[in-house]
C-alpha atoms as a PDB file:
ATOM      1  CA  UNK A   1      91.142 128.257  89.223  1.00  0.00           C
ATOM      2  CA  UNK A   2      90.919 127.411  85.564  1.00  0.00           C
ATOM      3  CA  UNK A   3      91.719 129.534  82.539  1.00  0.00           C
ATOM      4  CA  UNK A   4      90.757 128.626  78.995  1.00  0.00           C
ATOM      5  CA  UNK A   5      92.457 130.520  76.206  1.00  0.00           C
ATOM      6  CA  UNK A   6      92.024 130.051  72.486  1.00  0.00           C
ATOM      7  CA  UNK A   7      95.465 130.937  71.199  1.00  0.00           C
ATOM      8  CA  UNK A   8      95.301 132.095  67.600  1.00  0.00           C
ATOM      9  CA  UNK A   9      99.107 132.159  67.264  1.00  0.00           C
ATOM     10  CA  UNK A  10      99.459 128.412  67.773  1.00  0.00           C
ATOM     11  CA  UNK A  11      95.895 127.704  66.596  1.00  0.00           C
ATOM     12  CA  UNK A  12      94.787 125.665  69.578  1.00  0.00           C
ATOM     13  CA  UNK A  13      93.090 125.813  72.950  1.00  0.00           C
ATOM     14  CA  UNK A  14      95.365 126.283  75.952  1.00  0.00           C
ATOM     15  CA  UNK A  15      93.909 125.109  79.274  1.00  0.00           C
ATOM     16  CA  UNK A  16      95.621 126.390  82.425  1.00  0.00           C
ATOM     17  CA  UNK A  17      94.844 125.154  85.936  1.00  0.00           C
ATOM     18  CA  UNK A  18      96.345 126.753  89.048  1.00  0.00           C
ATOM     19  CA  UNK A  19      96.671 124.433  92.072  1.00  0.00           C
ATOM     20  CA  UNK A  20      97.451 125.702  95.569  1.00  0.00           C
ATOM     21  CA  UNK A  21      98.790 122.326  96.702  1.00  0.00           C
ATOM     22  CA  UNK A  22     101.339 119.807  95.482  1.00  0.00           C
ATOM     23  CA  UNK A  23     100.626 118.045  92.202  1.00  0.00           C
ATOM     24  CA  UNK A  24      98.543 114.857  92.548  1.00  0.00           C
ATOM     25  CA  UNK A  25      97.797 112.192  89.942  1.00  0.00           C
ATOM     26  CA  UNK A  26      94.117 113.189  90.158  1.00  0.00           C
ATOM     27  CA  UNK A  27      95.060 116.670  88.893  1.00  0.00           C
ATOM     28  CA  UNK A  28      96.753 115.149  85.849  1.00  0.00           C
ATOM     29  CA  UNK A  29      93.788 112.869  85.173  1.00  0.00           C
ATOM     30  CA  UNK A  30      91.382 115.791  85.426  1.00  0.00           C
ATOM     31  CA  UNK A  31      93.462 117.867  83.015  1.00  0.00           C
ATOM     32  CA  UNK A  32      93.671 114.912  80.603  1.00  0.00           C
ATOM     33  CA  UNK A  33      89.860 114.735  80.669  1.00  0.00           C
ATOM     34  CA  UNK A  34      89.581 118.470  79.888  1.00  0.00           C
ATOM     35  CA  UNK A  35      92.122 118.212  77.058  1.00  0.00           C
ATOM     36  CA  UNK A  36      90.253 115.209  75.608  1.00  0.00           C
ATOM     37  CA  UNK A  37      86.951 117.119  75.776  1.00  0.00           C
ATOM     38  CA  UNK A  38      88.325 120.167  73.957  1.00  0.00           C
ATOM     39  CA  UNK A  39      90.028 118.006  71.325  1.00  0.00           C
ATOM     40  CA  UNK A  40      86.829 116.029  70.669  1.00  0.00           C
ATOM     41  CA  UNK A  41      84.081 118.657  70.964  1.00  0.00           C
ATOM     42  CA  UNK A  42      85.489 122.199  70.716  1.00  0.00           C
ATOM     43  CA  UNK A  43      88.471 121.981  68.366  1.00  0.00           C
ATOM     44  CA  UNK A  44      87.675 122.592  64.720  1.00  0.00           C
ATOM     45  CA  UNK A  45      89.343 121.030  61.702  1.00  0.00           C
ATOM     46  CA  UNK A  46      92.805 122.438  61.040  1.00  0.00           C
ATOM     47  CA  UNK A  47      93.510 123.420  64.646  1.00  0.00           C
ATOM     48  CA  UNK A  48      96.373 121.907  66.614  1.00  0.00           C
ATOM     49  CA  UNK A  49      95.824 119.619  69.630  1.00  0.00           C
ATOM     50  CA  UNK A  50      94.787 121.251  72.895  1.00  0.00           C
ATOM     51  CA  UNK A  51      97.560 122.068  75.375  1.00  0.00           C
ATOM     52  CA  UNK A  52      97.056 121.567  79.120  1.00  0.00           C
ATOM     53  CA  UNK A  53      99.202 123.390  81.675  1.00  0.00           C
ATOM     54  CA  UNK A  54      99.120 122.705  85.419  1.00  0.00           C
ATOM     55  CA  UNK A  55     100.768 125.279  87.670  1.00  0.00           C
ATOM     56  CA  UNK A  56     101.195 123.920  91.184  1.00  0.00           C
ATOM     57  CA  UNK A  57     102.988 124.579  94.441  1.00  0.00           C
ATOM     58  CA  UNK A  58     105.235 121.567  93.937  1.00  0.00           C
ATOM     59  CA  UNK A  59     105.653 119.417  90.826  1.00  0.00           C
ATOM     60  CA  UNK A  60     106.850 115.821  90.572  1.00  0.00           C
ATOM     61  CA  UNK A  61     108.293 114.854  87.181  1.00  0.00           C
ATOM     62  CA  UNK A  62     108.173 111.130  87.996  1.00  0.00           C
ATOM     63  CA  UNK A  63     104.450 111.420  88.771  1.00  0.00           C
ATOM     64  CA  UNK A  64     103.874 113.222  85.471  1.00  0.00           C
ATOM     65  CA  UNK A  65     105.827 110.584  83.526  1.00  0.00           C
ATOM     66  CA  UNK A  66     103.971 107.678  85.165  1.00  0.00           C
ATOM     67  CA  UNK A  67     100.491 109.187  84.957  1.00  0.00           C
ATOM     68  CA  UNK A  68     100.383 110.581  81.434  1.00  0.00           C
ATOM     69  CA  UNK A  69     100.890 108.808  78.115  1.00  0.00           C
ATOM     70  CA  UNK A  70     104.023 109.745  76.178  1.00  0.00           C
ATOM     71  CA  UNK A  71     102.080 111.729  73.586  1.00  0.00           C
ATOM     72  CA  UNK A  72     100.155 113.816  76.155  1.00  0.00           C
ATOM     73  CA  UNK A  73     100.184 117.534  75.508  1.00  0.00           C
ATOM     74  CA  UNK A  74     100.042 118.346  79.253  1.00  0.00           C
ATOM     75  CA  UNK A  75     102.729 120.088  81.264  1.00  0.00           C
ATOM     76  CA  UNK A  76     103.083 120.521  85.031  1.00  0.00           C
ATOM     77  CA  UNK A  77     105.329 123.199  86.470  1.00  0.00           C
ATOM     78  CA  UNK A  78     105.902 124.779  89.854  1.00  0.00           C
ATOM     79  CA  UNK A  79     105.043 128.380  90.520  1.00  0.00           C
ATOM     80  CA  UNK A  80     106.876 130.720  92.861  1.00  0.00           C
ATOM     81  CA  UNK A  81     105.196 132.700  95.632  1.00  0.00           C
ATOM     82  CA  UNK A  82     106.673 136.126  94.979  1.00  0.00           C
ATOM     83  CA  UNK A  83     106.185 139.109  92.718  1.00  0.00           C
ATOM     84  CA  UNK A  84     108.913 140.965  90.875  1.00  0.00           C
ATOM     85  CA  UNK A  85     109.825 144.378  92.201  1.00  0.00           C
ATOM     86  CA  UNK A  86     107.563 147.286  91.285  1.00  0.00           C
ATOM     87  CA  UNK A  87     109.853 148.781  88.607  1.00  0.00           C
ATOM     88  CA  UNK A  88     110.249 145.471  86.775  1.00  0.00           C
ATOM     89  CA  UNK A  89     106.493 144.873  86.911  1.00  0.00           C
ATOM     90  CA  UNK A  90     105.809 148.358  85.496  1.00  0.00           C
ATOM     91  CA  UNK A  91     108.390 147.816  82.736  1.00  0.00           C
ATOM     92  CA  UNK A  92     106.840 144.484  81.695  1.00  0.00           C
ATOM     93  CA  UNK A  93     103.335 145.950  81.756  1.00  0.00           C
ATOM     94  CA  UNK A  94     104.458 148.812  79.507  1.00  0.00           C
ATOM     95  CA  UNK A  95     106.100 146.324  77.098  1.00  0.00           C
ATOM     96  CA  UNK A  96     102.908 144.248  76.896  1.00  0.00           C
ATOM     97  CA  UNK A  97     100.774 147.326  76.283  1.00  0.00           C
ATOM     98  CA  UNK A  98     103.162 148.554  73.587  1.00  0.00           C
ATOM     99  CA  UNK A  99     103.015 145.142  71.875  1.00  0.00           C
ATOM    100  CA  UNK A 100      99.203 145.221  71.895  1.00  0.00           C
ATOM    101  CA  UNK A 101      99.171 148.633  70.207  1.00  0.00           C
ATOM    102  CA  UNK A 102     101.518 147.531  67.400  1.00  0.00           C
END
């Protein structure tokens, strides 16, 4: 699953990819290709570099360090397979809706 968001707060594209398996170097290479594409063909003058985020079942920092160049704007993090309790979820949803209205 891929999500592309143009974030006006940080003035850049944010690409998010959800992986159901462990992180692989191919995933990082694919995200680097997407980030390069958006930086070269979609980004307009004055915008910041595109950010790539990989959310995966299991992340490997050594793999990230070896696969990506030092200046890469790509981040890989693990996700957790649980939801917060119902009351916390309702509270957060109300906060987000209140923020949108203000």
